[in-house]
Amino acid sequence: MTDTDRPSPSPGSFADPGPDLTAAWSSLGGDPALLARVTTVERSEALPARLPVREVARACVGACALAAAELGARRTGPARPGRPPGPGVPAVRVDDGAVAAAFVSERHLLVDGRAPVSFAPLSRFWPTADGWVRTHANYPHHRARLLAALGTSDDPEKVAAALAERSAAEVEETVYAAGGLAVALRTPAEWAAHEQAATVARRPLVERGWLDSAPARTLTPVDRDPLLPAAGLRVLDLTRVVAGPVATRTLALLGADVLRLDPPGLPELSDQHTDTGFGKCSALLDLSAGRDTFEELLAAADVVVTGYRPGSLDRLGLSPEALAERRPGVVVAQLSAWGAYGPWGDRRGFDSLVQAATGIAVSEGSAGRPGALPAQALDHGTGYLLAAAVLRALVEQADEGGSRFVRLALARTAAWLLEGATPTRAPGGDRTAAAPGPAPAPVPAAGGSAADWLTETDSPMGRLRYARSPVSFTGGPRDWSRPPGPWGADAARWGTGPVRNGAGEERGPVRDGAGEGRGPVRDGAGEGRGRWGDGPGDEQSVGVVNAALAGNTRLPSTPCLPVL
């Protein structure tokens, strides 16, 4: 990983934070006075869309960077009575160019010059007898369930013929009942009339709350070179898809020791793991056989981030309440596609499916065909908001104590994006025609040049080109401490040995409310077979250490431990 300054591209227009950042920061419970610390560089060519994608993406990243700067200020100097909150918080700069590059990071990734494949052939829009459906079949088990529900082979022409004979609603319910993934295309008005939409709309953008009355968190001081607000914090990463791994990738950037755990029985897509695995360790753990190992990891964790289908982890004793009972003082961050409530609360989902169901694909489409956002903006935006919510919960714990939970849903982020949007007719007018119609519109480009926001590094998978993080504040990190590595290559153990800062000096432990240090956990190989229960229904993304870089002290980093 390089340690050079970011290039200085030709500037766009500078502006003060807008209403979207104000709304995001308010939902996080942030002090409105701190918004004065944020400046933005607006680039009109970034993330072109009919909906305000650029503004919402900028707000998500800005809120995350401001939350990081706020926590960093807490850990580099005590708050003093009468001192205004703003001046001690590092200045935040949000550049639309960096945001746009990061929101399509999976498209910028190159592995030894090879570009990844984002979607499988059966993951797309299809015309039905009365409209359109969006399917998702990137994983073998989802593909098999889709085909079983339709009673056809994997020949795209046969799939198209089977779908063309049925209504969109019938396909949606039949495939869901078979455990697959298909969603009927809806207009914004049709989604607003849906019971799930009404349930989601009643929730805040970021749900936050207490789990108990654990003592206040004691935040140990951190260095300023670079300033890593999450240094020394241990994060158990139980996420899937894009949004959760983006959140934990961001926490790793900010200095957290992130250990990604996956059940050995579920498949993994290598390229997606590579894109979101920077800065993390990765291990496989069967909870039925390695429960003692998990409990030891939990006993030393500060944060648990989950991205599995709502309810699937609760059955394993991993609900927020159960986790806090066994680990008082923990922050539990939860992510779902549709929200953990309402008639769709237990359904799997992906960004592309949420776009189709909520009316976004109609809003971004053209006559006769659905469209898409210029990025998987629901995933990426929600991921940065989830990281911001964790950082703000840590600040609130230092003030008030208590184990905390934070919850976000892609569908709620979609509702925020759609607020104030002009109603749009569905492709094909009234959607009653049975004609197949033209092919779906291609996904638009992110806009502008991304070269200024890309860099390269060596990794166990080869030479990587990747997008830098858009989270930027004065004195903060410019890059991750290590590249991603092979999935599941590390032991299910926290790294051992002293953690060192950018100057190579040993860093002290993070302490709990009683002032007791947390020692390393030294047990568990994480081997076995089995599943934890289905997640939201997509790629698992994890990261591990490059052994050759384990001694790198440019940024603090606890070494990952190999499987013995």
Protein backbone atom coordinates (compact mmCIF):
# COMPACT_ATOMS: atom_id res chain seq x y z
CA MET A 1 0.00 0.00 0.00
CA THR A 2 1.36 3.40 -0.84
CA ASP A 3 1.71 6.31 1.55
CA THR A 4 1.60 9.16 -0.92
CA ASP A 5 -0.68 12.13 -0.79
CA ARG A 6 -3.81 12.06 -2.85
CA PRO A 7 -3.42 13.91 -6.14
CA SER A 8 -4.95 17.33 -6.48
CA PRO A 9 -7.41 17.17 -9.36
CA SER A 10 -8.82 20.30 -10.87
CA PRO A 11 -11.32 21.54 -8.30
CA GLY A 12 -15.04 21.72 -8.78
CA SER A 13 -17.21 24.20 -6.96
CA PHE A 14 -16.93 24.39 -3.17
CA ALA A 15 -20.14 24.48 -1.15
CA ASP A 16 -21.43 24.29 2.37
CA PRO A 17 -23.24 21.15 3.55
CA GLY A 18 -26.73 20.87 2.13
CA PRO A 19 -30.03 19.63 3.52
CA ASP A 20 -29.23 15.98 2.83
CA LEU A 21 -26.17 16.00 5.09
CA THR A 22 -28.15 17.91 7.70
CA ALA A 23 -30.86 15.23 7.60
CA ALA A 24 -28.36 12.37 7.79
CA TRP A 25 -26.44 13.95 10.67
CA SER A 26 -29.65 14.65 12.55
CA SER A 27 -30.77 11.02 12.15
CA LEU A 28 -27.43 9.98 13.66
CA GLY A 29 -28.06 12.20 16.68
CA GLY A 30 -25.13 14.47 15.85
CA ASP A 31 -24.59 17.98 17.16
CA PRO A 32 -25.74 20.36 14.38
CA ALA A 33 -22.95 22.78 15.29
CA LEU A 34 -20.41 20.30 13.91
CA LEU A 35 -21.81 20.62 10.39
CA ALA A 36 -19.78 23.81 10.08
CA ARG A 37 -16.65 21.60 9.98
CA VAL A 38 -17.70 20.11 6.61
CA THR A 39 -16.92 21.50 3.18
CA THR A 40 -17.80 19.83 -0.08
CA VAL A 41 -16.33 19.87 -3.57
CA GLU A 42 -19.21 19.56 -6.00
CA ARG A 43 -18.68 18.00 -9.41
CA SER A 44 -21.77 18.07 -11.59
CA GLU A 45 -20.61 15.15 -13.74
CA ALA A 46 -20.43 12.73 -10.79
CA LEU A 47 -23.13 10.05 -10.43
CA PRO A 48 -25.52 11.46 -13.06
CA ALA A 49 -29.14 10.48 -12.42
CA ARG A 50 -32.68 11.85 -12.32
CA LEU A 51 -32.88 11.22 -8.60
CA PRO A 52 -30.53 13.14 -6.26
CA VAL A 53 -28.00 10.30 -6.07
CA ARG A 54 -24.95 12.58 -5.97
CA GLU A 55 -26.39 14.63 -3.10
CA VAL A 56 -27.41 11.60 -1.04
CA ALA A 57 -24.08 9.85 -1.64
CA ARG A 58 -22.23 12.99 -0.61
CA ALA A 59 -24.33 13.23 2.54
CA CYS A 60 -23.69 9.60 3.55
CA VAL A 61 -19.93 9.96 3.17
CA GLY A 62 -19.92 13.39 4.80
CA ALA A 63 -21.83 12.11 7.83
CA CYS A 64 -19.41 9.19 8.17
CA ALA A 65 -16.35 11.41 7.93
CA LEU A 66 -17.80 13.88 10.44
CA ALA A 67 -18.60 11.08 12.88
CA ALA A 68 -15.03 9.83 12.52
CA ALA A 69 -13.63 13.31 13.09
CA GLU A 70 -15.84 13.77 16.15
CA LEU A 71 -14.66 10.49 17.71
CA GLY A 72 -11.07 11.34 16.81
CA ALA A 73 -11.35 14.66 18.60
CA ARG A 74 -12.63 12.87 21.71
CA ARG A 75 -9.61 10.58 21.70
CA THR A 76 -6.97 13.26 21.17
CA GLY A 77 -8.12 15.76 23.78
CA PRO A 78 -10.70 15.96 26.54
CA ALA A 79 -13.81 18.07 26.12
CA ARG A 80 -13.71 21.16 28.35
CA PRO A 81 -16.72 22.94 29.87
CA GLY A 82 -17.62 26.02 27.88
CA ARG A 83 -15.54 24.97 24.89
CA PRO A 84 -17.54 25.05 21.66
CA PRO A 85 -17.76 21.62 19.98
CA GLY A 86 -16.62 22.66 16.54
CA PRO A 87 -13.03 23.96 16.80
CA GLY A 88 -11.58 20.77 18.30
CA VAL A 89 -13.03 18.54 15.56
CA PRO A 90 -10.86 18.07 12.46
CA ALA A 91 -12.12 19.66 9.28
CA VAL A 92 -13.97 17.31 6.90
CA ARG A 93 -13.73 17.55 3.13
CA VAL A 94 -16.11 15.63 0.87
CA ASP A 95 -15.21 15.52 -2.82
CA ASP A 96 -17.85 14.30 -5.25
CA GLY A 97 -15.11 12.74 -7.39
CA ALA A 98 -13.88 10.55 -4.54
CA VAL A 99 -17.45 9.66 -3.58
CA ALA A 100 -18.39 8.65 -7.14
CA ALA A 101 -15.29 6.46 -7.50
CA ALA A 102 -15.95 4.72 -4.16
CA PHE A 103 -19.63 4.13 -4.92
CA VAL A 104 -18.63 2.04 -7.94
CA SER A 105 -15.51 0.56 -6.36
CA GLU A 106 -16.43 -2.90 -7.65
CA ARG A 107 -16.20 -1.59 -11.23
CA HIS A 108 -12.79 -0.02 -10.68
CA LEU A 109 -11.26 -3.14 -9.16
CA LEU A 110 -8.68 -4.90 -11.29
CA VAL A 111 -6.95 -8.11 -10.16
CA ASP A 112 -3.74 -8.51 -12.17
CA GLY A 113 -5.44 -6.49 -14.89
CA ARG A 114 -8.62 -8.59 -14.90
CA ALA A 115 -11.96 -6.85 -14.37
CA PRO A 116 -14.51 -8.64 -12.17
CA VAL A 117 -17.95 -9.77 -13.33
CA SER A 118 -20.63 -8.06 -11.25
CA PHE A 119 -23.81 -9.91 -12.29
CA ALA A 120 -24.56 -13.43 -13.48
CA PRO A 121 -26.54 -13.93 -16.72
CA LEU A 122 -29.80 -14.64 -14.87
CA SER A 123 -29.50 -11.55 -12.65
CA ARG A 124 -31.41 -8.94 -14.65
CA PHE A 125 -34.78 -7.46 -15.59
CA TRP A 126 -37.21 -9.67 -17.52
CA PRO A 127 -40.54 -8.77 -19.16
CA THR A 128 -43.59 -10.57 -17.79
CA ALA A 129 -47.16 -10.86 -19.00
CA ASP A 130 -48.06 -7.54 -17.37
CA GLY A 131 -44.81 -5.74 -16.59
CA TRP A 132 -41.28 -6.55 -15.45
CA VAL A 133 -39.46 -8.49 -12.74
CA ARG A 134 -35.90 -8.20 -11.48
CA THR A 135 -34.17 -11.46 -10.56
CA HIS A 136 -30.94 -12.07 -8.68
CA ALA A 137 -29.07 -15.34 -9.26
CA ASN A 138 -25.39 -14.62 -8.65
CA TYR A 139 -25.11 -17.44 -6.14
CA PRO A 140 -25.52 -21.06 -7.21
CA HIS A 141 -28.20 -21.82 -4.59
CA HIS A 142 -30.25 -18.75 -5.55
CA ARG A 143 -29.93 -19.65 -9.22
CA ALA A 144 -31.10 -23.20 -8.52
CA ARG A 145 -34.12 -21.98 -6.53
CA LEU A 146 -35.11 -19.53 -9.26
CA LEU A 147 -35.00 -22.22 -11.92
CA ALA A 148 -36.88 -24.68 -9.74
CA ALA A 149 -39.64 -22.14 -9.14
CA LEU A 150 -39.96 -21.48 -12.87
CA GLY A 151 -39.64 -25.15 -13.86
CA THR A 152 -37.11 -24.45 -16.58
CA SER A 153 -33.45 -24.87 -17.48
CA ASP A 154 -30.81 -22.16 -17.21
CA ASP A 155 -31.11 -21.26 -20.90
CA PRO A 156 -31.92 -17.50 -20.80
CA GLU A 157 -34.38 -17.90 -23.68
CA LYS A 158 -36.32 -20.56 -21.77
CA VAL A 159 -36.25 -18.43 -18.63
CA ALA A 160 -37.58 -15.48 -20.62
CA ALA A 161 -40.37 -17.60 -22.08
CA ALA A 162 -41.39 -18.91 -18.65
CA LEU A 163 -41.51 -15.42 -17.18
CA ALA A 164 -43.40 -13.94 -20.13
CA GLU A 165 -46.34 -16.28 -19.42
CA ARG A 166 -46.82 -15.09 -15.81
CA SER A 167 -47.70 -11.90 -14.06
CA ALA A 168 -44.94 -10.03 -12.22
CA ALA A 169 -46.72 -10.50 -8.87
CA GLU A 170 -47.03 -14.25 -9.45
CA VAL A 171 -43.32 -14.54 -10.25
CA GLU A 172 -42.41 -12.50 -7.16
CA GLU A 173 -44.38 -14.74 -4.79
CA THR A 174 -43.58 -18.05 -6.47
CA VAL A 175 -39.83 -17.46 -6.51
CA TYR A 176 -39.84 -16.10 -2.96
CA ALA A 177 -41.72 -19.19 -1.73
CA ALA A 178 -38.99 -21.34 -3.31
CA GLY A 179 -36.26 -19.41 -1.50
CA GLY A 180 -35.17 -17.49 -4.60
CA LEU A 181 -34.97 -13.81 -5.41
CA ALA A 182 -37.33 -11.99 -7.76
CA VAL A 183 -39.14 -8.69 -7.31
CA ALA A 184 -41.90 -7.11 -9.41
CA LEU A 185 -41.14 -3.71 -10.87
CA ARG A 186 -43.24 -1.00 -9.19
CA THR A 187 -43.71 2.72 -9.62
CA PRO A 188 -42.98 4.96 -6.64
CA ALA A 189 -46.74 5.35 -6.12
CA GLU A 190 -47.32 1.60 -6.24
CA TRP A 191 -44.57 1.04 -3.69
CA ALA A 192 -45.91 3.80 -1.44
CA ALA A 193 -49.24 1.94 -1.34
CA HIS A 194 -47.52 -1.30 -0.28
CA GLU A 195 -47.73 -2.25 3.40
CA GLN A 196 -43.97 -2.75 3.62
CA ALA A 197 -43.34 0.75 2.30
CA ALA A 198 -45.70 2.24 4.86
CA THR A 199 -43.97 0.33 7.66
CA VAL A 200 -40.53 1.45 6.50
CA ALA A 201 -41.62 5.07 6.11
CA ARG A 202 -42.62 5.22 9.79
CA ARG A 203 -39.04 4.46 10.84
CA PRO A 204 -36.19 6.97 11.03
CA LEU A 205 -33.36 6.77 8.53
CA VAL A 206 -31.09 5.51 11.31
CA GLU A 207 -32.69 3.64 14.20
CA ARG A 208 -30.75 4.05 17.45
CA GLY A 209 -31.35 2.88 20.99
CA TRP A 210 -30.17 1.51 24.33
CA LEU A 211 -29.91 -2.16 25.24
CA ASP A 212 -28.96 -1.79 28.91
CA SER A 213 -27.36 0.60 31.40
CA ALA A 214 -23.74 -0.55 31.08
CA PRO A 215 -21.10 1.87 32.45
CA ALA A 216 -19.80 4.67 30.26
CA ARG A 217 -17.06 3.72 27.82
CA THR A 218 -13.57 4.98 28.58
CA LEU A 219 -11.86 6.01 25.36
CA THR A 220 -8.07 5.75 25.53
CA PRO A 221 -5.99 8.45 23.77
CA VAL A 222 -4.75 7.87 20.23
CA ASP A 223 -1.98 9.36 18.15
CA ARG A 224 -2.46 12.03 15.50
CA ASP A 225 -0.08 10.65 12.88
CA PRO A 226 -2.38 9.59 11.37
CA LEU A 227 -5.48 10.16 13.45
CA LEU A 228 -7.32 6.82 13.71
CA PRO A 229 -10.55 7.35 15.66
CA ALA A 230 -11.34 3.61 15.90
CA ALA A 231 -7.83 2.49 16.85
CA GLY A 232 -7.84 -0.43 19.29
CA LEU A 233 -11.53 -1.19 18.87
CA ARG A 234 -12.42 -4.76 18.00
CA VAL A 235 -15.20 -5.34 15.48
CA LEU A 236 -16.85 -8.69 14.79
CA ASP A 237 -18.00 -8.52 11.17
CA LEU A 238 -20.95 -10.84 10.47
CA THR A 239 -22.04 -9.16 7.25
CA ARG A 240 -22.82 -10.03 3.67
CA VAL A 241 -23.66 -8.22 0.44
CA VAL A 242 -22.06 -4.82 -0.14
CA ALA A 243 -23.47 -2.46 2.49
CA GLY A 244 -22.27 -4.31 5.60
CA PRO A 245 -18.77 -5.01 4.24
CA VAL A 246 -18.48 -1.36 3.13
CA ALA A 247 -19.28 -0.31 6.71
CA THR A 248 -16.70 -2.62 8.26
CA ARG A 249 -14.15 -1.78 5.56
CA THR A 250 -14.56 1.84 6.63
CA LEU A 251 -14.12 1.01 10.31
CA ALA A 252 -10.93 -0.87 9.36
CA LEU A 253 -9.69 2.24 7.53
CA LEU A 254 -10.22 4.20 10.74
CA GLY A 255 -8.05 1.83 12.76
CA ALA A 256 -10.44 -0.83 14.07
CA ASP A 257 -9.33 -4.45 14.24
CA VAL A 258 -12.02 -6.07 12.08
CA LEU A 259 -12.47 -9.86 12.09
CA ARG A 260 -14.82 -11.13 9.44
CA LEU A 261 -16.52 -14.45 10.31
CA ASP A 262 -18.32 -16.59 7.74
CA PRO A 263 -20.01 -19.99 7.95
CA PRO A 264 -18.01 -22.52 5.91
CA GLY A 265 -21.06 -23.92 4.11
CA LEU A 266 -22.02 -20.81 2.12
CA PRO A 267 -20.36 -19.89 -1.20
CA GLU A 268 -18.29 -16.76 -1.67
CA LEU A 269 -17.64 -14.59 -4.72
CA SER A 270 -13.95 -13.83 -4.77
CA ASP A 271 -14.02 -10.47 -6.53
CA GLN A 272 -16.66 -8.99 -4.26
CA HIS A 273 -14.72 -10.17 -1.24
CA THR A 274 -11.57 -8.56 -2.63
CA ASP A 275 -13.28 -5.22 -3.22
CA THR A 276 -14.66 -4.90 0.32
CA GLY A 277 -11.99 -6.82 2.25
CA PHE A 278 -9.36 -4.10 2.71
CA GLY A 279 -8.00 -3.81 6.23
CA LYS A 280 -9.77 -6.90 7.61
CA CYS A 281 -8.98 -10.41 8.78
CA SER A 282 -11.15 -13.29 7.60
CA ALA A 283 -12.01 -16.59 9.26
CA LEU A 284 -14.52 -19.43 8.86
CA LEU A 285 -16.49 -20.52 11.90
CA ASP A 286 -19.30 -23.01 12.28
CA LEU A 287 -21.30 -21.77 15.26
CA SER A 288 -22.68 -25.21 16.04
CA ALA A 289 -19.18 -26.67 16.44
CA GLY A 290 -17.25 -23.58 17.48
CA ARG A 291 -19.61 -21.76 19.81
CA ASP A 292 -16.99 -21.49 22.57
CA THR A 293 -14.69 -19.77 20.10
CA PHE A 294 -17.38 -17.27 19.17
CA GLU A 295 -18.13 -16.51 22.81
CA GLU A 296 -14.45 -15.79 23.47
CA LEU A 297 -14.35 -13.46 20.48
CA LEU A 298 -17.52 -11.73 21.66
CA ALA A 299 -16.09 -11.29 25.17
CA ALA A 300 -13.34 -9.08 23.72
CA ALA A 301 -15.40 -7.28 21.07
CA ASP A 302 -16.45 -3.64 21.18
CA VAL A 303 -18.74 -3.76 18.15
CA VAL A 304 -20.74 -6.50 16.38
CA VAL A 305 -22.00 -5.72 12.88
CA THR A 306 -24.59 -8.08 11.36
CA GLY A 307 -26.02 -8.24 7.85
CA TYR A 308 -27.91 -11.51 7.78
CA ARG A 309 -31.61 -11.84 7.04
CA PRO A 310 -33.60 -10.52 10.01
CA GLY A 311 -34.30 -13.21 12.58
CA SER A 312 -31.74 -15.73 11.30
CA LEU A 313 -29.14 -14.78 13.93
CA ASP A 314 -31.72 -14.30 16.69
CA ARG A 315 -32.42 -18.03 16.60
CA LEU A 316 -28.75 -18.61 17.37
CA GLY A 317 -28.76 -16.36 20.41
CA LEU A 318 -27.21 -13.44 18.52
CA SER A 319 -29.97 -10.85 18.84
CA PRO A 320 -28.80 -7.43 20.08
CA GLU A 321 -30.36 -8.07 23.48
CA ALA A 322 -28.69 -11.48 23.83
CA LEU A 323 -25.31 -10.12 22.73
CA ALA A 324 -25.50 -7.22 25.20
CA GLU A 325 -26.45 -9.58 28.02
CA ARG A 326 -23.26 -11.58 27.45
CA ARG A 327 -21.10 -8.57 26.51
CA PRO A 328 -22.27 -5.44 28.36
CA GLY A 329 -21.09 -2.26 26.66
CA VAL A 330 -21.18 -3.67 23.14
CA VAL A 331 -22.47 -1.73 20.13
CA VAL A 332 -24.61 -3.90 17.84
CA ALA A 333 -25.13 -2.62 14.30
CA GLN A 334 -27.76 -4.33 12.15
CA LEU A 335 -28.39 -4.09 8.43
CA SER A 336 -31.21 -5.51 6.31
CA ALA A 337 -32.68 -5.06 2.85
CA TRP A 338 -36.35 -4.41 3.65
CA GLY A 339 -36.22 -3.63 7.37
CA ALA A 340 -36.63 -6.04 10.26
CA TYR A 341 -40.39 -5.47 10.41
CA GLY A 342 -43.52 -5.53 8.27
CA PRO A 343 -44.69 -8.25 5.86
CA TRP A 344 -41.31 -8.32 4.07
CA GLY A 345 -39.24 -8.16 7.25
CA ASP A 346 -37.92 -11.70 6.82
CA ARG A 347 -37.19 -11.50 3.09
CA ARG A 348 -33.81 -11.57 1.43
CA GLY A 349 -32.83 -8.63 -0.72
CA PHE A 350 -30.20 -6.87 -2.78
CA ASP A 351 -29.67 -3.28 -3.84
CA SER A 352 -30.89 -4.05 -7.37
CA LEU A 353 -34.07 -5.68 -6.05
CA VAL A 354 -34.82 -2.78 -3.72
CA GLN A 355 -34.37 -0.37 -6.64
CA ALA A 356 -36.92 -2.37 -8.64
CA ALA A 357 -39.51 -2.71 -5.87
CA THR A 358 -39.43 0.87 -4.57
CA GLY A 359 -39.86 2.66 -7.91
CA ILE A 360 -36.26 3.77 -8.35
CA ALA A 361 -35.85 1.64 -11.50
CA VAL A 362 -38.96 3.29 -12.96
CA SER A 363 -37.72 6.77 -12.06
CA GLU A 364 -34.38 6.06 -13.76
CA GLY A 365 -35.86 4.21 -16.75
CA SER A 366 -37.05 5.33 -20.16
CA ALA A 367 -40.15 4.63 -22.18
CA GLY A 368 -40.73 0.90 -22.30
CA ARG A 369 -37.87 -0.24 -20.07
CA PRO A 370 -36.66 0.05 -16.47
CA GLY A 371 -33.37 1.66 -15.58
CA ALA A 372 -30.94 1.71 -12.69
CA LEU A 373 -28.96 4.12 -10.57
CA PRO A 374 -25.42 4.94 -11.74
CA ALA A 375 -24.10 2.94 -8.77
CA GLN A 376 -25.33 0.49 -6.16
CA ALA A 377 -25.96 3.62 -4.17
CA LEU A 378 -28.35 2.05 -1.66
CA ASP A 379 -25.66 -0.45 -0.67
CA HIS A 380 -22.77 1.97 -0.53
CA GLY A 381 -24.72 4.84 1.02
CA THR A 382 -26.24 2.65 3.70
CA GLY A 383 -22.80 1.17 4.41
CA TYR A 384 -21.27 4.56 5.15
CA LEU A 385 -24.26 5.52 7.28
CA LEU A 386 -23.92 2.25 9.22
CA ALA A 387 -20.26 3.00 9.95
CA ALA A 388 -21.23 6.54 10.99
CA ALA A 389 -23.89 5.16 13.33
CA VAL A 390 -21.33 2.91 15.03
CA LEU A 391 -18.91 5.80 15.48
CA ARG A 392 -21.61 8.05 16.93
CA ALA A 393 -22.77 5.28 19.27
CA LEU A 394 -19.23 5.05 20.64
CA VAL A 395 -19.24 8.80 21.35
CA GLU A 396 -22.63 8.57 23.05
CA GLN A 397 -21.43 5.62 25.14
CA ALA A 398 -18.54 7.72 26.41
CA ASP A 399 -21.03 10.38 27.52
CA GLU A 400 -23.93 8.29 28.79
CA GLY A 401 -22.95 4.62 28.89
CA GLY A 402 -25.23 1.78 27.89
CA SER A 403 -24.93 -0.99 25.34
CA ARG A 404 -26.29 0.36 22.06
CA PHE A 405 -27.96 -0.80 18.88
CA VAL A 406 -28.19 0.91 15.50
CA ARG A 407 -30.26 -0.35 12.54
CA LEU A 408 -30.46 0.59 8.89
CA ALA A 409 -32.31 -0.82 5.90
CA LEU A 410 -31.74 -0.41 2.18
CA ALA A 411 -35.46 0.22 1.70
CA ARG A 412 -35.36 3.13 4.15
CA THR A 413 -32.37 4.64 2.36
CA ALA A 414 -34.37 4.24 -0.87
CA ALA A 415 -37.29 6.12 0.68
CA TRP A 416 -34.93 8.96 1.60
CA LEU A 417 -33.62 9.08 -1.98
CA LEU A 418 -37.15 9.16 -3.36
CA GLU A 419 -38.40 11.92 -1.05
CA GLY A 420 -39.57 14.85 -3.13
CA ALA A 421 -39.01 13.05 -6.44
CA THR A 422 -41.43 13.76 -9.27
CA PRO A 423 -43.83 10.82 -9.88
CA THR A 424 -42.83 8.85 -12.96
CA ARG A 425 -44.89 6.54 -15.14
CA ALA A 426 -43.86 2.92 -15.38
CA PRO A 427 -42.06 1.79 -18.54
CA GLY A 428 -44.66 0.82 -21.14
CA GLY A 429 -47.31 3.23 -19.90
CA ASP A 430 -50.03 1.43 -17.91
CA ARG A 431 -48.06 -1.86 -17.77
CA THR A 432 -50.99 -3.82 -19.21
CA ALA A 433 -49.43 -4.79 -22.52
CA ALA A 434 -48.18 -8.37 -22.86
CA ALA A 435 -45.51 -7.54 -25.43
CA PRO A 436 -42.00 -8.44 -24.25
CA GLY A 437 -40.66 -4.95 -24.88
CA PRO A 438 -37.06 -3.89 -25.45
CA ALA A 439 -34.09 -4.94 -23.33
CA PRO A 440 -33.53 -3.14 -20.04
CA ALA A 441 -31.55 0.07 -20.09
CA PRO A 442 -27.84 -0.39 -19.40
CA VAL A 443 -26.49 0.76 -16.07
CA PRO A 444 -25.24 4.34 -16.55
CA ALA A 445 -21.66 5.30 -15.90
CA ALA A 446 -20.65 6.98 -12.65
CA GLY A 447 -19.60 10.09 -14.54
CA GLY A 448 -16.31 11.98 -14.69
CA SER A 449 -12.76 10.65 -14.47
CA ALA A 450 -11.95 8.35 -11.57
CA ALA A 451 -8.19 8.21 -12.19
CA ASP A 452 -7.45 10.70 -9.43
CA TRP A 453 -9.14 8.47 -6.84
CA LEU A 454 -7.60 5.11 -7.77
CA THR A 455 -4.38 3.51 -6.58
CA GLU A 456 -2.64 0.13 -6.69
CA THR A 457 -1.08 -2.36 -4.31
CA ASP A 458 0.21 -5.91 -4.23
CA SER A 459 -1.88 -8.56 -2.51
CA PRO A 460 -2.03 -12.35 -2.14
CA MET A 461 -4.40 -12.35 -5.14
CA GLY A 462 -2.00 -10.33 -7.29
CA ARG A 463 -1.67 -6.69 -8.22
CA LEU A 464 -4.82 -4.75 -7.32
CA ARG A 465 -6.17 -1.51 -8.69
CA TYR A 466 -8.82 -0.14 -6.36
CA ALA A 467 -10.68 2.99 -5.30
CA ARG A 468 -9.50 4.85 -2.24
CA SER A 469 -11.91 5.58 0.57
CA PRO A 470 -13.81 8.87 0.19
CA VAL A 471 -13.83 9.38 3.99
CA SER A 472 -11.46 12.31 4.50
CA PHE A 473 -10.70 14.62 7.42
CA THR A 474 -7.65 16.58 8.50
CA GLY A 475 -4.97 14.25 9.84
CA GLY A 476 -6.96 11.12 9.00
CA PRO A 477 -5.79 7.96 7.17
CA ARG A 478 -5.33 7.99 3.42
CA ASP A 479 -5.38 4.24 2.85
CA TRP A 480 -5.93 0.87 4.52
CA SER A 481 -3.20 -0.77 6.56
CA ARG A 482 -3.30 -3.96 4.50
CA PRO A 483 -4.82 -5.33 1.30
CA PRO A 484 -7.45 -8.07 1.18
CA GLY A 485 -6.44 -11.68 0.97
CA PRO A 486 -8.01 -15.12 0.46
CA TRP A 487 -11.38 -15.77 2.03
CA GLY A 488 -11.26 -17.61 5.35
CA ALA A 489 -7.45 -17.81 5.46
CA ASP A 490 -7.10 -16.60 9.07
CA ALA A 491 -7.84 -18.21 12.40
CA ALA A 492 -10.99 -17.20 14.28
CA ARG A 493 -8.92 -15.33 16.85
CA TRP A 494 -8.16 -11.73 17.60
CA GLY A 495 -4.66 -10.75 16.58
CA THR A 496 -2.07 -10.84 19.35
CA GLY A 497 0.91 -8.74 20.24
CA PRO A 498 1.21 -4.98 20.68
CA VAL A 499 -0.61 -2.71 18.29
CA ARG A 500 1.61 0.09 17.07
CA ASN A 501 0.84 3.57 15.86
CA GLY A 502 2.18 5.33 12.80
CA ALA A 503 5.43 6.16 14.58
CA GLY A 504 5.96 2.54 15.59
CA GLU A 505 5.11 3.20 19.23
CA GLU A 506 3.11 0.68 21.21
CA ARG A 507 -0.52 1.60 21.71
CA GLY A 508 -2.38 0.87 24.93
CA PRO A 509 -5.48 -1.31 25.20
CA VAL A 510 -9.04 -0.17 24.83
CA ARG A 511 -10.61 -0.27 28.27
CA ASP A 512 -14.13 -1.02 29.38
CA GLY A 513 -16.29 1.02 31.74
CA ALA A 514 -14.47 -0.36 34.76
CA GLY A 515 -11.07 0.60 33.33
CA GLU A 516 -10.01 -2.99 32.75
CA GLY A 517 -7.91 -3.84 29.75
CA ARG A 518 -9.08 -6.49 27.31
CA GLY A 519 -6.52 -9.17 26.66
CA PRO A 520 -6.23 -11.12 23.44
CA VAL A 521 -8.37 -14.17 22.84
CA ARG A 522 -6.16 -17.16 22.12
CA ASP A 523 -8.38 -20.08 21.23
CA GLY A 524 -10.33 -21.50 18.29
CA ALA A 525 -9.26 -22.66 14.88
CA GLY A 526 -12.61 -21.86 13.29
CA GLU A 527 -12.86 -25.09 11.36
CA GLY A 528 -16.03 -27.01 10.56
CA ARG A 529 -19.04 -27.14 8.30
CA GLY A 530 -22.49 -25.65 8.49
CA ARG A 531 -24.46 -22.45 8.00
CA TRP A 532 -25.62 -19.70 10.32
CA GLY A 533 -28.84 -19.15 8.36
CA ASP A 534 -29.35 -17.23 5.14
CA GLY A 535 -28.26 -13.63 4.97
CA PRO A 536 -29.86 -10.93 2.86
CA GLY A 537 -29.12 -13.16 -0.12
CA ASP A 538 -25.92 -12.18 -1.82
CA GLU A 539 -22.16 -12.20 -1.93
CA GLN A 540 -20.09 -12.52 1.21
CA SER A 541 -17.24 -10.05 1.28
CA VAL A 542 -14.31 -10.52 3.61
CA GLY A 543 -10.70 -9.50 3.98
CA VAL A 544 -7.49 -10.93 5.39
CA VAL A 545 -3.91 -9.92 6.03
CA ASN A 546 -1.06 -10.10 3.56
CA ALA A 547 1.60 -11.83 5.65
CA ALA A 548 4.32 -9.84 3.92
CA LEU A 549 2.74 -6.61 5.20
CA ALA A 550 1.98 -7.77 8.74
CA GLY A 551 4.88 -5.71 10.07
CA ASN A 552 3.80 -2.49 8.33
CA THR A 553 3.54 0.26 10.94
CA ARG A 554 2.46 3.04 8.60
CA LEU A 555 -0.99 2.64 10.11
CA PRO A 556 -1.82 0.78 13.33
CA SER A 557 -2.77 -2.77 12.51
CA THR A 558 -3.10 -5.91 14.58
CA PRO A 559 -1.70 -8.87 12.61
CA CYS A 560 -4.18 -11.49 11.45
CA LEU A 561 -3.37 -15.00 12.63
CA PRO A 562 -3.09 -17.89 10.17
CA VAL A 563 -5.12 -21.07 10.53
CA LEU A 564 -2.86 -23.65 12.17
